[in-house]
């Protein structure tokens, strides 16, 4: 993974509200959540959720699907795994 890309994705994850959103989406898995449900689980207001979801989607950490004319947000587990696997494999201390 390109160092610039990993730095960008780590930067995306440096905002507490984004981590809260990812955490609640991970908890529900492939079912995903609509914005009102994310608000209940995180305690964040709609404007904050919209702003943070846009950033997460821009980094391909979150996507959405449409269900009954509503957006249902899902975490991109593969993208998260890539970031953490890269960090662990390339930067974790090596045993002697």
Foldseek 3Di string as FASTA:
>chain_A
DDPVLLVLVVVLVPDPLLVLLQVVQVVVAPVAAFQVVSCVSRVDDPVVVVVSVVSCVVSVQKDWDADPNTTGIHGPVVSVCVSVVCCCVPPNDDDD
